[in-house]
Amino acid sequence: MIDASMAGGLSKVSGKNPARDVDPGEMRDGMNLVSAAYSDWGSDDTVLVVAVDHVPEATTKRREHLWRGMLEHIKWDFDQGVPEAQPVSDPGPLGGSVECLPASLAENGNVICGWADATTAGVALFPNSTVMSASMEFMTMRVDLEK
């Protein structure tokens, strides 16, 4: 896993990184953390990414932890329940499983996508998006991040 300067055609944003507010879970020796914000030049929308590799526990459990952290970051009202993740039918060339969940009451709003494979787990927050659009963008970002 790398802290890429570009991911899915988006540039890493320098300066304040709101993704650092997301709890990645317990970090142990040998694990790498990517916590970054990415944006399209000229866009106010910033995609937040938090990912961990060399995860010793079940990566799907780590992905759930990261989802919860991202929901807390956007101040999701858990009294409304927890959004249901929707599997992406093709996880792309890196395999594993990819799921996205709508984290907004609006049709175009926050979407959180996550992947889990043999040793890595990661999530990304896409503002002002749809599940379909976010899942496609997430797949291209993942290829650049999980090298």
N, C-alpha and C. Protein backbone atom coordinates (compact mmCIF):
# COMPACT_ATOMS: atom_id res chain seq x y z
N MET A 1 0.85 -1.15 0.00
CA MET A 1 0.00 0.00 0.00
C MET A 1 0.90 1.23 0.00
N ILE A 2 0.50 2.24 -0.77
CA ILE A 2 1.31 3.46 -0.83
C ILE A 2 0.45 4.69 -0.59
N ASP A 3 1.09 5.72 -0.13
CA ASP A 3 0.47 7.02 0.06
C ASP A 3 0.66 7.78 -1.26
N ALA A 4 -0.19 7.49 -2.24
CA ALA A 4 -0.03 7.95 -3.61
C ALA A 4 -0.30 9.45 -3.75
N SER A 5 0.47 10.10 -4.62
CA SER A 5 0.23 11.51 -4.90
C SER A 5 -0.98 11.70 -5.82
N MET A 6 -1.31 10.66 -6.57
CA MET A 6 -2.50 10.64 -7.43
C MET A 6 -3.21 9.31 -7.20
N ALA A 7 -4.53 9.35 -7.14
CA ALA A 7 -5.32 8.13 -7.00
C ALA A 7 -6.59 8.28 -7.83
N GLY A 8 -6.73 7.42 -8.82
CA GLY A 8 -7.91 7.48 -9.67
C GLY A 8 -8.07 8.79 -10.40
N GLY A 9 -6.96 9.44 -10.71
CA GLY A 9 -7.00 10.73 -11.40
C GLY A 9 -7.19 11.92 -10.48
N LEU A 10 -7.33 11.67 -9.18
CA LEU A 10 -7.46 12.76 -8.21
C LEU A 10 -6.10 13.04 -7.58
N SER A 11 -5.85 14.29 -7.27
CA SER A 11 -4.58 14.69 -6.66
C SER A 11 -4.70 14.70 -5.14
N LYS A 12 -3.61 14.27 -4.50
CA LYS A 12 -3.57 14.32 -3.04
C LYS A 12 -3.56 15.78 -2.61
N VAL A 13 -4.39 16.11 -1.63
CA VAL A 13 -4.49 17.46 -1.12
C VAL A 13 -3.46 17.63 -0.01
N SER A 14 -2.67 18.67 -0.11
CA SER A 14 -1.69 18.94 0.94
C SER A 14 -2.33 19.82 2.00
N GLY A 15 -1.69 19.87 3.15
CA GLY A 15 -2.22 20.69 4.24
C GLY A 15 -3.09 19.86 5.16
N LYS A 16 -4.12 20.48 5.72
CA LYS A 16 -4.99 19.80 6.69
C LYS A 16 -5.64 18.58 6.05
N ASN A 17 -5.56 17.46 6.76
CA ASN A 17 -6.11 16.20 6.26
C ASN A 17 -7.23 15.74 7.19
N PRO A 18 -8.50 15.98 6.83
CA PRO A 18 -9.60 15.57 7.70
C PRO A 18 -9.70 14.05 7.87
N ALA A 19 -9.07 13.27 7.01
CA ALA A 19 -9.11 11.81 7.15
C ALA A 19 -8.37 11.35 8.40
N ARG A 20 -7.48 12.18 8.92
CA ARG A 20 -6.74 11.83 10.14
C ARG A 20 -7.66 11.70 11.35
N ASP A 21 -8.87 12.26 11.25
CA ASP A 21 -9.85 12.16 12.34
C ASP A 21 -10.49 10.78 12.40
N VAL A 22 -10.32 9.98 11.37
CA VAL A 22 -10.94 8.66 11.31
C VAL A 22 -10.03 7.63 11.98
N ASP A 23 -10.57 6.94 12.98
CA ASP A 23 -9.81 5.94 13.73
C ASP A 23 -9.56 4.72 12.85
N PRO A 24 -8.27 4.40 12.58
CA PRO A 24 -7.97 3.24 11.73
C PRO A 24 -8.00 1.91 12.49
N GLY A 25 -8.20 1.96 13.78
CA GLY A 25 -8.10 0.75 14.59
C GLY A 25 -6.69 0.58 15.09
N GLU A 26 -6.46 -0.50 15.83
CA GLU A 26 -5.15 -0.74 16.41
C GLU A 26 -4.12 -0.96 15.31
N MET A 27 -3.03 -0.21 15.40
CA MET A 27 -1.94 -0.36 14.45
C MET A 27 -0.82 -1.14 15.13
N ARG A 28 -0.30 -2.15 14.43
CA ARG A 28 0.77 -2.97 14.98
C ARG A 28 1.99 -2.86 14.08
N ASP A 29 3.13 -3.34 14.59
CA ASP A 29 4.36 -3.33 13.81
C ASP A 29 4.14 -4.01 12.46
N GLY A 30 4.68 -3.40 11.42
CA GLY A 30 4.58 -3.96 10.08
C GLY A 30 3.36 -3.52 9.30
N MET A 31 2.40 -2.89 9.96
CA MET A 31 1.20 -2.40 9.27
C MET A 31 1.48 -1.00 8.72
N ASN A 32 0.90 -0.70 7.57
CA ASN A 32 1.03 0.62 6.97
C ASN A 32 -0.35 1.27 6.90
N LEU A 33 -0.38 2.55 7.21
CA LEU A 33 -1.61 3.32 7.19
C LEU A 33 -1.53 4.38 6.11
N VAL A 34 -2.57 4.46 5.29
CA VAL A 34 -2.74 5.56 4.36
C VAL A 34 -3.95 6.33 4.83
N SER A 35 -3.75 7.60 5.10
CA SER A 35 -4.82 8.49 5.53
C SER A 35 -4.64 9.78 4.74
N ALA A 36 -5.50 9.99 3.76
CA ALA A 36 -5.27 11.11 2.84
C ALA A 36 -6.58 11.67 2.30
N ALA A 37 -6.47 12.87 1.78
CA ALA A 37 -7.59 13.53 1.11
C ALA A 37 -7.18 13.74 -0.35
N TYR A 38 -8.12 13.48 -1.27
CA TYR A 38 -7.87 13.63 -2.70
C TYR A 38 -8.97 14.49 -3.31
N SER A 39 -8.58 15.26 -4.31
CA SER A 39 -9.55 16.14 -4.95
C SER A 39 -9.20 16.34 -6.42
N ASP A 40 -10.23 16.65 -7.18
CA ASP A 40 -10.07 17.01 -8.58
C ASP A 40 -9.75 18.51 -8.60
N TRP A 41 -8.81 18.91 -9.41
CA TRP A 41 -8.43 20.31 -9.46
C TRP A 41 -9.66 21.18 -9.70
N GLY A 42 -9.84 22.19 -8.87
CA GLY A 42 -10.94 23.12 -9.03
C GLY A 42 -12.23 22.68 -8.36
N SER A 43 -12.25 21.50 -7.77
CA SER A 43 -13.46 20.99 -7.13
C SER A 43 -13.38 21.24 -5.62
N ASP A 44 -14.53 21.54 -5.05
CA ASP A 44 -14.60 21.69 -3.59
C ASP A 44 -14.79 20.35 -2.89
N ASP A 45 -15.17 19.32 -3.65
CA ASP A 45 -15.39 18.00 -3.07
C ASP A 45 -14.06 17.29 -2.84
N THR A 46 -13.88 16.79 -1.63
CA THR A 46 -12.66 16.08 -1.27
C THR A 46 -13.02 14.65 -0.89
N VAL A 47 -12.34 13.70 -1.48
CA VAL A 47 -12.52 12.29 -1.18
C VAL A 47 -11.52 11.93 -0.08
N LEU A 48 -12.03 11.42 1.03
CA LEU A 48 -11.18 11.01 2.14
C LEU A 48 -10.93 9.51 2.06
N VAL A 49 -9.69 9.11 2.27
CA VAL A 49 -9.30 7.70 2.20
C VAL A 49 -8.56 7.31 3.47
N VAL A 50 -8.94 6.17 4.05
CA VAL A 50 -8.23 5.58 5.17
C VAL A 50 -8.10 4.09 4.85
N ALA A 51 -6.86 3.60 4.80
CA ALA A 51 -6.62 2.20 4.46
C ALA A 51 -5.43 1.66 5.26
N VAL A 52 -5.46 0.36 5.51
CA VAL A 52 -4.44 -0.30 6.31
C VAL A 52 -4.05 -1.61 5.63
N ASP A 53 -2.74 -1.90 5.59
CA ASP A 53 -2.32 -3.20 5.05
C ASP A 53 -1.65 -4.05 6.12
N HIS A 54 -1.38 -5.28 5.77
CA HIS A 54 -0.81 -6.27 6.69
C HIS A 54 -1.68 -6.42 7.94
N VAL A 55 -2.99 -6.45 7.71
CA VAL A 55 -3.97 -6.56 8.80
C VAL A 55 -3.96 -7.99 9.32
N PRO A 56 -3.68 -8.19 10.63
CA PRO A 56 -3.59 -9.55 11.15
C PRO A 56 -4.95 -10.20 11.42
N GLU A 57 -5.99 -9.40 11.64
CA GLU A 57 -7.32 -9.96 11.88
C GLU A 57 -8.09 -10.05 10.57
N ALA A 58 -9.32 -10.50 10.62
CA ALA A 58 -10.16 -10.57 9.43
C ALA A 58 -10.29 -9.16 8.84
N THR A 59 -9.93 -9.02 7.59
CA THR A 59 -9.96 -7.68 6.97
C THR A 59 -11.37 -7.14 6.85
N THR A 60 -12.38 -8.01 6.78
CA THR A 60 -13.76 -7.52 6.72
C THR A 60 -14.13 -6.85 8.05
N LYS A 61 -13.59 -7.34 9.16
CA LYS A 61 -13.83 -6.70 10.46
C LYS A 61 -13.15 -5.33 10.51
N ARG A 62 -11.94 -5.24 9.96
CA ARG A 62 -11.24 -3.95 9.93
C ARG A 62 -12.00 -2.97 9.04
N ARG A 63 -12.53 -3.46 7.91
CA ARG A 63 -13.32 -2.58 7.03
C ARG A 63 -14.54 -2.05 7.78
N GLU A 64 -15.22 -2.91 8.54
CA GLU A 64 -16.38 -2.46 9.33
C GLU A 64 -15.97 -1.38 10.33
N HIS A 65 -14.82 -1.55 10.96
CA HIS A 65 -14.31 -0.56 11.90
C HIS A 65 -14.07 0.78 11.17
N LEU A 66 -13.47 0.70 9.99
CA LEU A 66 -13.19 1.91 9.21
C LEU A 66 -14.49 2.58 8.75
N TRP A 67 -15.49 1.78 8.34
CA TRP A 67 -16.79 2.35 7.96
C TRP A 67 -17.37 3.13 9.14
N ARG A 68 -17.36 2.51 10.31
CA ARG A 68 -17.92 3.15 11.50
C ARG A 68 -17.17 4.46 11.79
N GLY A 69 -15.86 4.43 11.67
CA GLY A 69 -15.07 5.64 11.88
C GLY A 69 -15.43 6.75 10.89
N MET A 70 -15.65 6.37 9.64
CA MET A 70 -16.02 7.37 8.64
C MET A 70 -17.42 7.90 8.90
N LEU A 71 -18.35 7.03 9.33
CA LEU A 71 -19.70 7.49 9.68
C LEU A 71 -19.64 8.46 10.85
N GLU A 72 -18.81 8.18 11.83
CA GLU A 72 -18.65 9.10 12.96
C GLU A 72 -18.04 10.42 12.49
N HIS A 73 -17.12 10.35 11.54
CA HIS A 73 -16.49 11.56 11.01
C HIS A 73 -17.52 12.50 10.38
N ILE A 74 -18.49 11.93 9.66
CA ILE A 74 -19.50 12.78 9.02
C ILE A 74 -20.67 13.07 9.96
N LYS A 75 -20.53 12.61 11.21
CA LYS A 75 -21.54 12.83 12.24
C LYS A 75 -22.88 12.18 11.88
N TRP A 76 -22.80 10.93 11.41
CA TRP A 76 -24.00 10.15 11.10
C TRP A 76 -24.81 9.96 12.37
N ASP A 77 -26.12 10.12 12.28
CA ASP A 77 -27.02 9.91 13.41
C ASP A 77 -27.34 8.41 13.50
N PHE A 78 -26.67 7.71 14.40
CA PHE A 78 -26.84 6.26 14.52
C PHE A 78 -28.24 5.89 15.02
N ASP A 79 -29.02 6.87 15.51
CA ASP A 79 -30.41 6.60 15.88
C ASP A 79 -31.24 6.26 14.64
N GLN A 80 -30.75 6.66 13.46
CA GLN A 80 -31.42 6.33 12.20
C GLN A 80 -31.06 4.93 11.72
N GLY A 81 -30.20 4.25 12.46
CA GLY A 81 -29.71 2.94 12.05
C GLY A 81 -28.37 3.10 11.36
N VAL A 82 -27.86 1.99 10.86
CA VAL A 82 -26.58 1.99 10.14
C VAL A 82 -26.90 1.73 8.68
N PRO A 83 -26.38 2.55 7.78
CA PRO A 83 -26.65 2.32 6.35
C PRO A 83 -26.21 0.91 5.94
N GLU A 84 -26.95 0.33 5.02
CA GLU A 84 -26.64 -1.02 4.56
C GLU A 84 -25.68 -0.98 3.37
N ALA A 85 -24.60 -1.74 3.49
CA ALA A 85 -23.61 -1.81 2.41
C ALA A 85 -24.15 -2.62 1.24
N GLN A 86 -23.84 -2.15 0.06
CA GLN A 86 -24.26 -2.82 -1.17
C GLN A 86 -23.02 -3.36 -1.87
N PRO A 87 -22.95 -4.69 -2.08
CA PRO A 87 -21.77 -5.27 -2.73
C PRO A 87 -21.62 -4.77 -4.16
N VAL A 88 -20.39 -4.56 -4.57
CA VAL A 88 -20.07 -4.22 -5.96
C VAL A 88 -19.79 -5.55 -6.64
N SER A 89 -20.47 -5.81 -7.74
CA SER A 89 -20.41 -7.15 -8.36
C SER A 89 -19.01 -7.54 -8.83
N ASP A 90 -18.23 -6.58 -9.30
CA ASP A 90 -16.88 -6.88 -9.77
C ASP A 90 -15.89 -6.05 -8.96
N PRO A 91 -15.13 -6.68 -8.05
CA PRO A 91 -14.20 -5.92 -7.22
C PRO A 91 -12.96 -5.43 -7.96
N GLY A 92 -12.85 -5.73 -9.25
CA GLY A 92 -11.72 -5.26 -10.04
C GLY A 92 -10.55 -6.21 -9.99
N PRO A 93 -9.42 -5.78 -10.56
CA PRO A 93 -8.27 -6.67 -10.72
C PRO A 93 -7.60 -7.09 -9.41
N LEU A 94 -7.88 -6.36 -8.31
CA LEU A 94 -7.23 -6.69 -7.04
C LEU A 94 -8.03 -7.68 -6.21
N GLY A 95 -9.24 -8.01 -6.66
CA GLY A 95 -10.04 -9.02 -5.99
C GLY A 95 -10.56 -8.58 -4.63
N GLY A 96 -10.81 -9.57 -3.78
CA GLY A 96 -11.40 -9.29 -2.48
C GLY A 96 -12.86 -8.92 -2.62
N SER A 97 -13.35 -8.13 -1.71
CA SER A 97 -14.74 -7.67 -1.80
C SER A 97 -14.77 -6.16 -1.69
N VAL A 98 -15.67 -5.56 -2.43
CA VAL A 98 -15.87 -4.12 -2.42
C VAL A 98 -17.36 -3.87 -2.19
N GLU A 99 -17.64 -2.98 -1.25
CA GLU A 99 -19.02 -2.63 -0.94
C GLU A 99 -19.11 -1.13 -0.73
N CYS A 100 -20.26 -0.57 -1.08
CA CYS A 100 -20.49 0.86 -0.87
C CYS A 100 -21.80 1.04 -0.11
N LEU A 101 -21.84 2.07 0.71
CA LEU A 101 -23.07 2.35 1.43
C LEU A 101 -23.42 3.82 1.32
N PRO A 102 -24.72 4.09 1.08
CA PRO A 102 -25.16 5.48 1.06
C PRO A 102 -25.19 6.01 2.49
N ALA A 103 -24.53 7.11 2.72
CA ALA A 103 -24.45 7.70 4.06
C ALA A 103 -25.08 9.08 4.04
N SER A 104 -26.24 9.15 3.41
CA SER A 104 -26.96 10.40 3.28
C SER A 104 -28.43 10.08 3.05
N LEU A 105 -29.28 10.97 3.45
CA LEU A 105 -30.71 10.78 3.19
C LEU A 105 -31.10 11.29 1.81
N ALA A 106 -30.19 12.01 1.17
CA ALA A 106 -30.43 12.53 -0.18
C ALA A 106 -29.95 11.51 -1.21
N GLU A 107 -30.50 11.58 -2.42
CA GLU A 107 -30.09 10.67 -3.48
C GLU A 107 -28.63 10.89 -3.86
N ASN A 108 -28.22 12.14 -4.00
CA ASN A 108 -26.82 12.49 -4.23
C ASN A 108 -26.30 13.06 -2.92
N GLY A 109 -25.47 12.29 -2.25
CA GLY A 109 -24.95 12.72 -0.97
C GLY A 109 -23.67 11.97 -0.66
N ASN A 110 -23.41 11.78 0.61
CA ASN A 110 -22.22 11.05 1.03
C ASN A 110 -22.37 9.56 0.72
N VAL A 111 -21.32 8.99 0.15
CA VAL A 111 -21.25 7.55 -0.09
C VAL A 111 -19.90 7.09 0.46
N ILE A 112 -19.92 6.00 1.20
CA ILE A 112 -18.69 5.42 1.73
C ILE A 112 -18.49 4.06 1.08
N CYS A 113 -17.36 3.89 0.43
CA CYS A 113 -17.02 2.60 -0.19
C CYS A 113 -15.87 1.98 0.60
N GLY A 114 -15.84 0.65 0.62
CA GLY A 114 -14.76 -0.03 1.32
C GLY A 114 -14.35 -1.30 0.62
N TRP A 115 -13.09 -1.67 0.77
CA TRP A 115 -12.62 -2.95 0.23
C TRP A 115 -11.99 -3.75 1.35
N ALA A 116 -11.98 -5.04 1.15
CA ALA A 116 -11.28 -5.95 2.05
C ALA A 116 -10.77 -7.09 1.18
N ASP A 117 -9.47 -7.40 1.30
CA ASP A 117 -8.93 -8.56 0.59
C ASP A 117 -8.09 -9.36 1.57
N ALA A 118 -7.17 -10.14 1.12
CA ALA A 118 -6.43 -11.05 2.00
C ALA A 118 -5.69 -10.33 3.12
N THR A 119 -5.13 -9.14 2.86
CA THR A 119 -4.32 -8.48 3.89
C THR A 119 -4.61 -7.00 4.07
N THR A 120 -5.48 -6.41 3.26
CA THR A 120 -5.73 -4.98 3.36
C THR A 120 -7.21 -4.67 3.52
N ALA A 121 -7.48 -3.51 4.09
CA ALA A 121 -8.84 -2.99 4.20
C ALA A 121 -8.75 -1.48 4.06
N GLY A 122 -9.72 -0.92 3.39
CA GLY A 122 -9.72 0.53 3.22
C GLY A 122 -11.11 1.05 2.94
N VAL A 123 -11.32 2.31 3.24
CA VAL A 123 -12.59 2.97 2.95
C VAL A 123 -12.31 4.35 2.36
N ALA A 124 -13.30 4.86 1.66
CA ALA A 124 -13.21 6.21 1.11
C ALA A 124 -14.59 6.86 1.19
N LEU A 125 -14.61 8.13 1.52
CA LEU A 125 -15.83 8.93 1.59
C LEU A 125 -15.92 9.79 0.35
N PHE A 126 -17.01 9.64 -0.39
CA PHE A 126 -17.26 10.42 -1.60
C PHE A 126 -18.44 11.35 -1.33
N PRO A 127 -18.20 12.67 -1.23
CA PRO A 127 -19.31 13.60 -1.02
C PRO A 127 -20.04 13.87 -2.34
N ASN A 128 -21.30 14.24 -2.24
CA ASN A 128 -22.09 14.61 -3.41
C ASN A 128 -21.99 13.58 -4.52
N SER A 129 -22.25 12.33 -4.18
CA SER A 129 -22.10 11.24 -5.14
C SER A 129 -23.29 10.30 -5.05
N THR A 130 -23.26 9.30 -5.90
CA THR A 130 -24.22 8.19 -5.85
C THR A 130 -23.43 6.92 -5.63
N VAL A 131 -24.09 5.86 -5.22
CA VAL A 131 -23.40 4.59 -4.99
C VAL A 131 -22.71 4.13 -6.26
N MET A 132 -23.39 4.23 -7.40
CA MET A 132 -22.81 3.76 -8.66
C MET A 132 -21.58 4.57 -9.05
N SER A 133 -21.69 5.88 -8.97
CA SER A 133 -20.57 6.75 -9.34
C SER A 133 -19.40 6.56 -8.38
N ALA A 134 -19.68 6.52 -7.09
CA ALA A 134 -18.62 6.36 -6.09
C ALA A 134 -17.92 5.01 -6.25
N SER A 135 -18.67 3.96 -6.52
CA SER A 135 -18.04 2.63 -6.65
C SER A 135 -17.09 2.59 -7.84
N MET A 136 -17.45 3.23 -8.93
CA MET A 136 -16.57 3.24 -10.11
C MET A 136 -15.31 4.05 -9.82
N GLU A 137 -15.46 5.19 -9.18
CA GLU A 137 -14.29 6.01 -8.85
C GLU A 137 -13.40 5.30 -7.82
N PHE A 138 -14.04 4.63 -6.87
CA PHE A 138 -13.30 3.91 -5.84
C PHE A 138 -12.42 2.82 -6.44
N MET A 139 -12.94 2.11 -7.42
CA MET A 139 -12.17 1.03 -8.04
C MET A 139 -10.89 1.57 -8.69
N THR A 140 -10.98 2.71 -9.34
CA THR A 140 -9.78 3.26 -9.97
C THR A 140 -8.80 3.81 -8.93
N MET A 141 -9.32 4.37 -7.85
CA MET A 141 -8.45 4.86 -6.78
C MET A 141 -7.73 3.70 -6.11
N ARG A 142 -8.44 2.61 -5.89
CA ARG A 142 -7.86 1.46 -5.19
C ARG A 142 -6.63 0.91 -5.91
N VAL A 143 -6.69 0.88 -7.23
CA VAL A 143 -5.56 0.37 -8.01
C VAL A 143 -4.31 1.20 -7.73
N ASP A 144 -4.46 2.50 -7.57
CA ASP A 144 -3.32 3.38 -7.32
C ASP A 144 -2.84 3.31 -5.87
N LEU A 145 -3.74 3.01 -4.94
CA LEU A 145 -3.39 2.99 -3.52
C LEU A 145 -2.84 1.65 -3.05
N GLU A 146 -3.34 0.58 -3.61
CA GLU A 146 -2.98 -0.75 -3.14
C GLU A 146 -1.95 -1.38 -4.06
N LYS A 147 -0.74 -0.82 -4.05
CA LYS A 147 0.34 -1.32 -4.90
C LYS A 147 1.35 -2.04 -4.07
